Amino acid sequence: MSTPQPAIVTADLYDQYHEQVQVCELQFRSFGQRLSFFGPCSTVSTFEDHTPVLKALEEQGGGRVLVVNAQGSLRIGVMGDRLAGLGATNGWTGIIINGAIRDSVGIGELDLGVKALGVTARRGWTPGPAAWDVPLQFGSVTIKPGDWIYADQDSVLVSEHSLALPTAAVQE
């Protein structure tokens, strides 16, 4: 299970660290019970195939954030409630998907932060090319494995290093 984190405010983090952070320009929707989350990231690149996400979430998360570049596809969900549940059980703090999820109601019951572009009922049936722990580019940001991700209902920030959380950026 993931360790509880203080709630963060990305706008306040941006104000303090605007010269050090990248701001993702994609308009993600928030799912899961964690409305804000942060941690170092691992990355996955896939297209309309959930099995690379499954492989990543089977690992121990250790408070990390999984960032998935599903190439912006809203046609096929690359994660549903069972995979998200596996991530929560294995200690991932959050998952960001440049693409679609499925089973949003089930994901909403999990102690996990999830951001995705949208939702669909479809799942993939055909394996596709995938890569793990590679740099990703989407939404005007470049995300490298080990970068720190800070996310709330408003935004996703990317930093090369862990940021000291200012008092104003943390909601008790």
N, C-alpha and C. Protein backbone atom coordinates (compact mmCIF):
# COMPACT_ATOMS: atom_id res chain seq x y z
N MET A 1 0.83 -1.19 0.00
CA MET A 1 0.00 0.00 0.00
C MET A 1 0.87 1.25 0.00
N SER A 2 0.36 2.30 -0.61
CA SER A 2 1.08 3.56 -0.68
C SER A 2 1.00 4.28 0.66
N THR A 3 2.03 5.04 0.95
CA THR A 3 2.06 5.84 2.16
C THR A 3 1.24 7.10 1.92
N PRO A 4 0.41 7.50 2.89
CA PRO A 4 -0.36 8.73 2.71
C PRO A 4 0.58 9.93 2.51
N GLN A 5 0.15 10.85 1.66
CA GLN A 5 0.93 12.04 1.36
C GLN A 5 0.11 13.27 1.74
N PRO A 6 0.80 14.38 2.05
CA PRO A 6 0.04 15.62 2.22
C PRO A 6 -0.54 16.05 0.88
N ALA A 7 -1.68 16.71 0.91
CA ALA A 7 -2.26 17.26 -0.32
C ALA A 7 -1.40 18.43 -0.77
N ILE A 8 -1.14 18.50 -2.07
CA ILE A 8 -0.33 19.59 -2.60
C ILE A 8 -1.17 20.47 -3.52
N VAL A 9 -0.68 21.68 -3.77
CA VAL A 9 -1.32 22.62 -4.67
C VAL A 9 -0.29 22.97 -5.75
N THR A 10 -0.53 22.50 -6.97
CA THR A 10 0.46 22.72 -8.03
C THR A 10 0.65 24.21 -8.36
N ALA A 11 -0.39 25.01 -8.23
CA ALA A 11 -0.24 26.44 -8.51
C ALA A 11 0.78 27.07 -7.57
N ASP A 12 0.74 26.69 -6.29
CA ASP A 12 1.71 27.23 -5.33
C ASP A 12 3.11 26.70 -5.61
N LEU A 13 3.21 25.42 -5.98
CA LEU A 13 4.53 24.88 -6.34
C LEU A 13 5.08 25.60 -7.57
N TYR A 14 4.22 25.84 -8.55
CA TYR A 14 4.65 26.57 -9.74
C TYR A 14 5.15 27.96 -9.37
N ASP A 15 4.41 28.66 -8.51
CA ASP A 15 4.82 30.01 -8.12
C ASP A 15 6.22 30.01 -7.52
N GLN A 16 6.52 29.02 -6.70
CA GLN A 16 7.83 28.98 -6.04
C GLN A 16 8.93 28.45 -6.96
N TYR A 17 8.59 27.51 -7.84
CA TYR A 17 9.62 26.82 -8.63
C TYR A 17 9.44 27.01 -10.14
N HIS A 18 8.84 28.10 -10.58
CA HIS A 18 8.51 28.28 -11.99
C HIS A 18 9.71 28.18 -12.92
N GLU A 19 10.90 28.45 -12.45
CA GLU A 19 12.08 28.34 -13.30
C GLU A 19 12.63 26.92 -13.35
N GLN A 20 12.12 26.03 -12.50
CA GLN A 20 12.64 24.66 -12.41
C GLN A 20 11.67 23.61 -12.91
N VAL A 21 10.39 23.92 -13.01
CA VAL A 21 9.41 22.90 -13.36
C VAL A 21 8.86 23.10 -14.77
N GLN A 22 8.41 22.00 -15.35
CA GLN A 22 7.66 22.04 -16.60
C GLN A 22 6.19 21.85 -16.24
N VAL A 23 5.31 22.47 -16.98
CA VAL A 23 3.86 22.33 -16.76
C VAL A 23 3.27 21.63 -17.97
N CYS A 24 2.66 20.48 -17.74
CA CYS A 24 2.02 19.76 -18.84
C CYS A 24 0.79 20.53 -19.30
N GLU A 25 0.67 20.72 -20.61
CA GLU A 25 -0.44 21.50 -21.15
C GLU A 25 -1.69 20.68 -21.45
N LEU A 26 -1.63 19.36 -21.26
CA LEU A 26 -2.82 18.53 -21.49
C LEU A 26 -3.84 18.76 -20.38
N GLN A 27 -5.10 18.67 -20.74
CA GLN A 27 -6.19 18.86 -19.78
C GLN A 27 -6.67 17.49 -19.30
N PHE A 28 -6.01 16.98 -18.27
CA PHE A 28 -6.34 15.67 -17.72
C PHE A 28 -7.59 15.73 -16.86
N ARG A 29 -8.27 14.60 -16.75
CA ARG A 29 -9.34 14.41 -15.78
C ARG A 29 -8.76 13.63 -14.61
N SER A 30 -9.30 13.86 -13.42
CA SER A 30 -8.80 13.19 -12.22
C SER A 30 -9.73 12.04 -11.83
N PHE A 31 -9.11 10.92 -11.45
CA PHE A 31 -9.83 9.72 -11.00
C PHE A 31 -9.12 9.19 -9.76
N GLY A 32 -9.76 8.31 -9.03
CA GLY A 32 -9.16 7.76 -7.82
C GLY A 32 -9.40 8.67 -6.65
N GLN A 33 -9.13 8.15 -5.46
CA GLN A 33 -9.40 8.92 -4.24
C GLN A 33 -8.34 9.96 -3.94
N ARG A 34 -7.14 9.78 -4.46
CA ARG A 34 -6.08 10.77 -4.22
C ARG A 34 -6.21 11.88 -5.26
N LEU A 35 -6.62 13.03 -4.80
CA LEU A 35 -6.79 14.16 -5.72
C LEU A 35 -5.47 14.86 -6.01
N SER A 36 -4.47 14.65 -5.16
CA SER A 36 -3.13 15.15 -5.44
C SER A 36 -2.14 14.07 -5.05
N PHE A 37 -1.03 14.03 -5.78
CA PHE A 37 0.00 13.03 -5.50
C PHE A 37 1.31 13.49 -6.11
N PHE A 38 2.40 12.91 -5.62
CA PHE A 38 3.72 13.25 -6.14
C PHE A 38 4.68 12.12 -5.86
N GLY A 39 5.77 12.11 -6.62
CA GLY A 39 6.81 11.13 -6.43
C GLY A 39 7.68 11.00 -7.67
N PRO A 40 8.77 10.26 -7.55
CA PRO A 40 9.60 10.00 -8.72
C PRO A 40 8.84 9.10 -9.69
N CYS A 41 9.18 9.19 -10.96
CA CYS A 41 8.37 8.45 -11.93
C CYS A 41 9.12 7.34 -12.64
N SER A 42 8.33 6.40 -13.11
CA SER A 42 8.73 5.41 -14.10
C SER A 42 7.87 5.69 -15.31
N THR A 43 8.34 5.32 -16.49
CA THR A 43 7.61 5.64 -17.71
C THR A 43 7.34 4.40 -18.55
N VAL A 44 6.24 4.47 -19.30
CA VAL A 44 5.86 3.43 -20.24
C VAL A 44 5.33 4.11 -21.50
N SER A 45 5.73 3.60 -22.65
CA SER A 45 5.17 4.05 -23.91
C SER A 45 4.45 2.87 -24.55
N THR A 46 3.19 3.08 -24.96
CA THR A 46 2.38 2.02 -25.55
C THR A 46 1.34 2.66 -26.45
N PHE A 47 0.64 1.84 -27.22
CA PHE A 47 -0.46 2.35 -28.02
C PHE A 47 -1.57 1.30 -28.03
N GLU A 48 -2.68 1.64 -27.37
CA GLU A 48 -3.88 0.81 -27.34
C GLU A 48 -3.62 -0.62 -26.87
N ASP A 49 -2.65 -0.78 -25.96
CA ASP A 49 -2.31 -2.07 -25.39
C ASP A 49 -2.09 -1.91 -23.89
N HIS A 50 -2.89 -2.60 -23.09
CA HIS A 50 -2.80 -2.48 -21.64
C HIS A 50 -1.70 -3.34 -21.02
N THR A 51 -1.19 -4.32 -21.75
CA THR A 51 -0.24 -5.25 -21.13
C THR A 51 1.08 -4.58 -20.68
N PRO A 52 1.60 -3.55 -21.36
CA PRO A 52 2.78 -2.88 -20.81
C PRO A 52 2.49 -2.17 -19.48
N VAL A 53 1.28 -1.65 -19.34
CA VAL A 53 0.90 -1.00 -18.07
C VAL A 53 0.80 -2.06 -16.98
N LEU A 54 0.21 -3.20 -17.31
CA LEU A 54 0.13 -4.31 -16.35
C LEU A 54 1.53 -4.72 -15.89
N LYS A 55 2.43 -4.88 -16.82
CA LYS A 55 3.80 -5.28 -16.48
C LYS A 55 4.43 -4.29 -15.51
N ALA A 56 4.25 -3.00 -15.76
CA ALA A 56 4.83 -1.98 -14.88
C ALA A 56 4.18 -2.02 -13.50
N LEU A 57 2.86 -2.13 -13.43
CA LEU A 57 2.15 -2.10 -12.14
C LEU A 57 2.34 -3.37 -11.32
N GLU A 58 2.83 -4.43 -11.94
CA GLU A 58 3.15 -5.65 -11.19
C GLU A 58 4.39 -5.46 -10.33
N GLU A 59 5.22 -4.47 -10.67
CA GLU A 59 6.40 -4.16 -9.87
C GLU A 59 5.99 -3.41 -8.60
N GLN A 60 6.84 -3.45 -7.60
CA GLN A 60 6.62 -2.65 -6.40
C GLN A 60 6.81 -1.18 -6.76
N GLY A 61 5.82 -0.37 -6.42
CA GLY A 61 5.86 1.04 -6.78
C GLY A 61 6.76 1.88 -5.89
N GLY A 62 6.80 1.55 -4.61
CA GLY A 62 7.65 2.31 -3.69
C GLY A 62 7.37 3.79 -3.68
N GLY A 63 6.09 4.19 -3.84
CA GLY A 63 5.73 5.61 -3.82
C GLY A 63 5.97 6.33 -5.14
N ARG A 64 6.24 5.57 -6.19
CA ARG A 64 6.48 6.20 -7.49
C ARG A 64 5.16 6.53 -8.20
N VAL A 65 5.30 7.33 -9.26
CA VAL A 65 4.21 7.68 -10.15
C VAL A 65 4.52 7.03 -11.50
N LEU A 66 3.56 6.29 -12.05
CA LEU A 66 3.73 5.71 -13.37
C LEU A 66 3.17 6.69 -14.40
N VAL A 67 3.99 7.06 -15.37
CA VAL A 67 3.57 7.95 -16.44
C VAL A 67 3.52 7.12 -17.72
N VAL A 68 2.33 7.10 -18.35
CA VAL A 68 2.09 6.27 -19.53
C VAL A 68 1.78 7.18 -20.72
N ASN A 69 2.58 7.05 -21.77
CA ASN A 69 2.25 7.75 -23.00
C ASN A 69 1.52 6.75 -23.90
N ALA A 70 0.19 6.84 -23.90
CA ALA A 70 -0.64 5.99 -24.75
C ALA A 70 -0.96 6.73 -26.05
N GLN A 71 -0.11 7.68 -26.39
CA GLN A 71 -0.19 8.42 -27.66
C GLN A 71 -1.48 9.22 -27.80
N GLY A 72 -2.13 9.52 -26.67
CA GLY A 72 -3.34 10.33 -26.70
C GLY A 72 -4.59 9.61 -27.19
N SER A 73 -4.52 8.29 -27.35
CA SER A 73 -5.67 7.55 -27.88
C SER A 73 -6.81 7.50 -26.87
N LEU A 74 -7.98 7.88 -27.32
CA LEU A 74 -9.19 7.78 -26.51
C LEU A 74 -10.06 6.61 -26.97
N ARG A 75 -9.57 5.85 -27.93
CA ARG A 75 -10.32 4.73 -28.48
C ARG A 75 -10.26 3.49 -27.60
N ILE A 76 -9.10 3.22 -27.01
CA ILE A 76 -8.87 2.01 -26.22
C ILE A 76 -8.34 2.42 -24.85
N GLY A 77 -8.93 1.88 -23.77
CA GLY A 77 -8.43 2.13 -22.43
C GLY A 77 -7.22 1.26 -22.14
N VAL A 78 -6.15 1.86 -21.64
CA VAL A 78 -4.95 1.09 -21.34
C VAL A 78 -4.84 0.71 -19.86
N MET A 79 -5.85 1.09 -19.06
CA MET A 79 -5.89 0.68 -17.65
C MET A 79 -7.33 0.69 -17.19
N GLY A 80 -7.70 -0.36 -16.46
CA GLY A 80 -9.01 -0.44 -15.83
C GLY A 80 -8.85 -0.58 -14.33
N ASP A 81 -9.97 -0.89 -13.67
CA ASP A 81 -9.94 -0.95 -12.20
C ASP A 81 -9.06 -2.07 -11.67
N ARG A 82 -8.97 -3.19 -12.37
CA ARG A 82 -8.13 -4.29 -11.87
C ARG A 82 -6.65 -3.91 -11.92
N LEU A 83 -6.20 -3.31 -13.00
CA LEU A 83 -4.81 -2.88 -13.08
C LEU A 83 -4.53 -1.77 -12.07
N ALA A 84 -5.44 -0.82 -11.94
CA ALA A 84 -5.27 0.26 -10.98
C ALA A 84 -5.21 -0.30 -9.56
N GLY A 85 -6.06 -1.29 -9.27
CA GLY A 85 -6.04 -1.93 -7.95
C GLY A 85 -4.71 -2.60 -7.67
N LEU A 86 -4.14 -3.22 -8.68
CA LEU A 86 -2.82 -3.83 -8.56
C LEU A 86 -1.78 -2.76 -8.24
N GLY A 87 -1.88 -1.62 -8.93
CA GLY A 87 -0.96 -0.52 -8.66
C GLY A 87 -1.08 -0.01 -7.22
N ALA A 88 -2.31 0.14 -6.74
CA ALA A 88 -2.51 0.60 -5.37
C ALA A 88 -1.94 -0.41 -4.38
N THR A 89 -2.20 -1.68 -4.61
CA THR A 89 -1.70 -2.74 -3.73
C THR A 89 -0.18 -2.78 -3.72
N ASN A 90 0.43 -2.52 -4.86
CA ASN A 90 1.89 -2.60 -4.98
C ASN A 90 2.62 -1.31 -4.65
N GLY A 91 1.91 -0.33 -4.10
CA GLY A 91 2.58 0.86 -3.57
C GLY A 91 2.85 1.98 -4.55
N TRP A 92 2.15 2.00 -5.69
CA TRP A 92 2.24 3.15 -6.58
C TRP A 92 1.38 4.26 -6.00
N THR A 93 1.85 5.50 -6.04
CA THR A 93 1.07 6.61 -5.49
C THR A 93 0.14 7.24 -6.51
N GLY A 94 0.51 7.13 -7.79
CA GLY A 94 -0.32 7.72 -8.83
C GLY A 94 0.05 7.21 -10.20
N ILE A 95 -0.87 7.44 -11.15
CA ILE A 95 -0.68 7.02 -12.53
C ILE A 95 -1.21 8.15 -13.41
N ILE A 96 -0.41 8.54 -14.39
CA ILE A 96 -0.80 9.57 -15.35
C ILE A 96 -0.79 8.93 -16.72
N ILE A 97 -1.91 9.04 -17.44
CA ILE A 97 -2.03 8.38 -18.74
C ILE A 97 -2.41 9.40 -19.81
N ASN A 98 -1.53 9.53 -20.78
CA ASN A 98 -1.83 10.33 -21.97
C ASN A 98 -2.66 9.44 -22.89
N GLY A 99 -3.92 9.27 -22.51
CA GLY A 99 -4.84 8.37 -23.21
C GLY A 99 -6.03 8.10 -22.33
N ALA A 100 -6.69 6.98 -22.58
CA ALA A 100 -7.95 6.66 -21.90
C ALA A 100 -7.78 5.53 -20.88
N ILE A 101 -8.67 5.56 -19.90
CA ILE A 101 -8.83 4.46 -18.95
C ILE A 101 -10.22 3.87 -19.16
N ARG A 102 -10.53 2.81 -18.44
CA ARG A 102 -11.87 2.24 -18.40
C ARG A 102 -12.18 1.91 -16.95
N ASP A 103 -13.42 1.59 -16.64
CA ASP A 103 -13.82 1.24 -15.27
C ASP A 103 -13.58 2.39 -14.28
N SER A 104 -13.98 3.59 -14.66
CA SER A 104 -13.68 4.77 -13.82
C SER A 104 -14.35 4.70 -12.45
N VAL A 105 -15.50 4.08 -12.35
CA VAL A 105 -16.18 3.98 -11.04
C VAL A 105 -15.35 3.13 -10.09
N GLY A 106 -14.85 2.01 -10.58
CA GLY A 106 -13.99 1.15 -9.76
C GLY A 106 -12.70 1.85 -9.37
N ILE A 107 -12.12 2.58 -10.30
CA ILE A 107 -10.89 3.32 -10.00
C ILE A 107 -11.17 4.39 -8.96
N GLY A 108 -12.35 4.98 -9.01
CA GLY A 108 -12.72 6.01 -8.05
C GLY A 108 -12.78 5.53 -6.61
N GLU A 109 -12.84 4.24 -6.41
CA GLU A 109 -12.89 3.67 -5.05
C GLU A 109 -11.51 3.35 -4.50
N LEU A 110 -10.46 3.56 -5.29
CA LEU A 110 -9.11 3.17 -4.88
C LEU A 110 -8.33 4.32 -4.27
N ASP A 111 -7.45 3.98 -3.30
CA ASP A 111 -6.55 4.96 -2.71
C ASP A 111 -5.36 5.12 -3.65
N LEU A 112 -5.59 5.85 -4.71
CA LEU A 112 -4.63 6.02 -5.79
C LEU A 112 -4.99 7.30 -6.52
N GLY A 113 -3.99 8.00 -7.01
CA GLY A 113 -4.24 9.14 -7.88
C GLY A 113 -4.14 8.70 -9.31
N VAL A 114 -5.12 9.06 -10.13
CA VAL A 114 -5.10 8.71 -11.55
C VAL A 114 -5.51 9.93 -12.35
N LYS A 115 -4.72 10.23 -13.37
CA LYS A 115 -5.07 11.30 -14.30
C LYS A 115 -5.02 10.69 -15.69
N ALA A 116 -6.06 10.95 -16.48
CA ALA A 116 -6.14 10.44 -17.84
C ALA A 116 -6.92 11.45 -18.67
N LEU A 117 -6.83 11.32 -19.98
CA LEU A 117 -7.53 12.24 -20.87
C LEU A 117 -9.02 11.94 -20.95
N GLY A 118 -9.40 10.68 -20.75
CA GLY A 118 -10.80 10.32 -20.87
C GLY A 118 -11.05 8.88 -20.50
N VAL A 119 -12.28 8.44 -20.80
CA VAL A 119 -12.75 7.11 -20.40
C VAL A 119 -13.44 6.45 -21.59
N THR A 120 -13.32 5.13 -21.67
CA THR A 120 -14.01 4.35 -22.69
C THR A 120 -14.35 2.98 -22.11
N ALA A 121 -15.23 2.26 -22.78
CA ALA A 121 -15.52 0.88 -22.39
C ALA A 121 -14.57 -0.10 -23.07
N ARG A 122 -13.94 0.32 -24.16
CA ARG A 122 -13.11 -0.60 -24.95
C ARG A 122 -11.79 -0.93 -24.27
N ARG A 123 -11.36 -2.18 -24.45
CA ARG A 123 -10.02 -2.61 -24.06
C ARG A 123 -9.32 -3.11 -25.31
N GLY A 124 -8.02 -3.19 -25.23
CA GLY A 124 -7.24 -3.69 -26.36
C GLY A 124 -7.18 -5.20 -26.36
N TRP A 125 -7.09 -5.77 -27.54
CA TRP A 125 -6.98 -7.21 -27.69
C TRP A 125 -5.72 -7.60 -28.45
N THR A 126 -5.03 -6.62 -29.00
CA THR A 126 -3.86 -6.90 -29.83
C THR A 126 -2.62 -6.29 -29.19
N PRO A 127 -1.62 -7.11 -28.89
CA PRO A 127 -0.37 -6.56 -28.35
C PRO A 127 0.27 -5.61 -29.36
N GLY A 128 0.90 -4.58 -28.84
CA GLY A 128 1.57 -3.61 -29.69
C GLY A 128 2.96 -3.31 -29.17
N PRO A 129 3.69 -2.47 -29.86
CA PRO A 129 5.03 -2.11 -29.41
C PRO A 129 4.96 -1.33 -28.10
N ALA A 130 5.97 -1.54 -27.28
CA ALA A 130 6.01 -0.84 -25.99
C ALA A 130 7.47 -0.62 -25.59
N ALA A 131 7.66 0.35 -24.71
CA ALA A 131 8.99 0.61 -24.15
C ALA A 131 8.81 1.07 -22.71
N TRP A 132 9.73 0.65 -21.86
CA TRP A 132 9.68 0.99 -20.44
C TRP A 132 10.89 1.85 -20.11
N ASP A 133 10.68 2.76 -19.16
CA ASP A 133 11.74 3.63 -18.66
C ASP A 133 12.51 4.32 -19.79
N VAL A 134 11.73 5.00 -20.64
CA VAL A 134 12.26 5.81 -21.73
C VAL A 134 11.73 7.23 -21.56
N PRO A 135 12.42 8.23 -22.09
CA PRO A 135 11.87 9.59 -22.04
C PRO A 135 10.57 9.66 -22.85
N LEU A 136 9.61 10.41 -22.34
CA LEU A 136 8.32 10.61 -23.00
C LEU A 136 8.15 12.09 -23.30
N GLN A 137 7.44 12.39 -24.39
CA GLN A 137 7.12 13.78 -24.72
C GLN A 137 5.65 13.88 -25.06
N PHE A 138 4.94 14.72 -24.33
CA PHE A 138 3.56 15.07 -24.64
C PHE A 138 3.19 16.30 -23.84
N GLY A 139 2.20 17.04 -24.32
CA GLY A 139 1.73 18.22 -23.59
C GLY A 139 2.81 19.25 -23.33
N SER A 140 3.76 19.39 -24.25
CA SER A 140 4.86 20.36 -24.16
C SER A 140 5.83 20.09 -23.02
N VAL A 141 5.89 18.86 -22.52
CA VAL A 141 6.87 18.49 -21.50
C VAL A 141 7.64 17.26 -21.97
N THR A 142 8.83 17.12 -21.44
CA THR A 142 9.62 15.90 -21.59
C THR A 142 9.76 15.30 -20.21
N ILE A 143 9.40 14.02 -20.08
CA ILE A 143 9.44 13.33 -18.80
C ILE A 143 10.43 12.19 -18.92
N LYS A 144 11.44 12.23 -18.04
CA LYS A 144 12.45 11.18 -18.04
C LYS A 144 12.25 10.30 -16.81
N PRO A 145 12.58 9.01 -16.93
CA PRO A 145 12.50 8.14 -15.75
C PRO A 145 13.29 8.76 -14.59
N GLY A 146 12.69 8.78 -13.42
CA GLY A 146 13.33 9.37 -12.25
C GLY A 146 12.96 10.82 -12.01
N ASP A 147 12.38 11.51 -13.02
CA ASP A 147 11.88 12.86 -12.77
C ASP A 147 10.80 12.80 -11.71
N TRP A 148 10.58 13.92 -11.05
CA TRP A 148 9.53 13.99 -10.04
C TRP A 148 8.27 14.59 -10.65
N ILE A 149 7.15 13.97 -10.35
CA ILE A 149 5.84 14.39 -10.83
C ILE A 149 5.05 14.93 -9.65
N TYR A 150 4.41 16.07 -9.84
CA TYR A 150 3.53 16.68 -8.85
C TYR A 150 2.20 16.93 -9.54
N ALA A 151 1.13 16.34 -9.04
CA ALA A 151 -0.16 16.44 -9.72
C ALA A 151 -1.27 16.74 -8.72
N ASP A 152 -2.20 17.56 -9.15
CA ASP A 152 -3.44 17.77 -8.41
C ASP A 152 -4.56 17.91 -9.43
N GLN A 153 -5.73 18.36 -9.01
CA GLN A 153 -6.87 18.45 -9.93
C GLN A 153 -6.65 19.48 -11.03
N ASP A 154 -5.70 20.39 -10.83
CA ASP A 154 -5.47 21.46 -11.80
C ASP A 154 -4.42 21.13 -12.84
N SER A 155 -3.35 20.46 -12.44
CA SER A 155 -2.19 20.40 -13.32
C SER A 155 -1.27 19.24 -12.99
N VAL A 156 -0.32 19.01 -13.91
CA VAL A 156 0.78 18.07 -13.71
C VAL A 156 2.07 18.85 -13.93
N LEU A 157 2.93 18.83 -12.93
CA LEU A 157 4.24 19.47 -13.00
C LEU A 157 5.32 18.40 -13.08
N VAL A 158 6.40 18.71 -13.78
CA VAL A 158 7.53 17.80 -13.92
C VAL A 158 8.78 18.53 -13.44
N SER A 159 9.55 17.88 -12.57
CA SER A 159 10.79 18.44 -12.07
C SER A 159 11.89 17.40 -12.16
N GLU A 160 13.10 17.83 -12.46
CA GLU A 160 14.22 16.89 -12.50
C GLU A 160 14.58 16.39 -11.12
N HIS A 161 14.20 17.15 -10.08
CA HIS A 161 14.57 16.81 -8.70
C HIS A 161 13.36 16.95 -7.79
N SER A 162 13.45 16.33 -6.63
CA SER A 162 12.43 16.49 -5.60
C SER A 162 12.39 17.96 -5.17
N LEU A 163 11.19 18.48 -4.96
CA LEU A 163 11.01 19.86 -4.52
C LEU A 163 10.67 19.89 -3.04
N ALA A 164 11.22 20.84 -2.33
CA ALA A 164 10.81 21.07 -0.94
C ALA A 164 9.38 21.63 -1.01
N LEU A 165 8.48 21.02 -0.29
CA LEU A 165 7.10 21.47 -0.33
C LEU A 165 6.91 22.70 0.55
N PRO A 166 6.59 23.84 -0.07
CA PRO A 166 6.35 25.04 0.73
C PRO A 166 5.07 24.88 1.54
N THR A 167 5.02 25.52 2.66
CA THR A 167 3.85 25.42 3.53
C THR A 167 2.57 25.78 2.78
N ALA A 168 2.64 26.80 1.93
CA ALA A 168 1.45 27.23 1.18
C ALA A 168 1.02 26.21 0.15
N ALA A 169 1.92 25.33 -0.28
CA ALA A 169 1.59 24.36 -1.32
C ALA A 169 1.01 23.08 -0.75
N VAL A 170 0.99 22.97 0.58
CA VAL A 170 0.49 21.76 1.23
C VAL A 170 -0.80 22.09 1.96
N GLN A 171 -1.85 21.33 1.67
CA GLN A 171 -3.12 21.50 2.36
C GLN A 171 -3.23 20.41 3.43
N GLU A 172 -3.43 20.81 4.65
CA GLU A 172 -3.57 19.84 5.74
C GLU A 172 -4.97 19.29 5.77
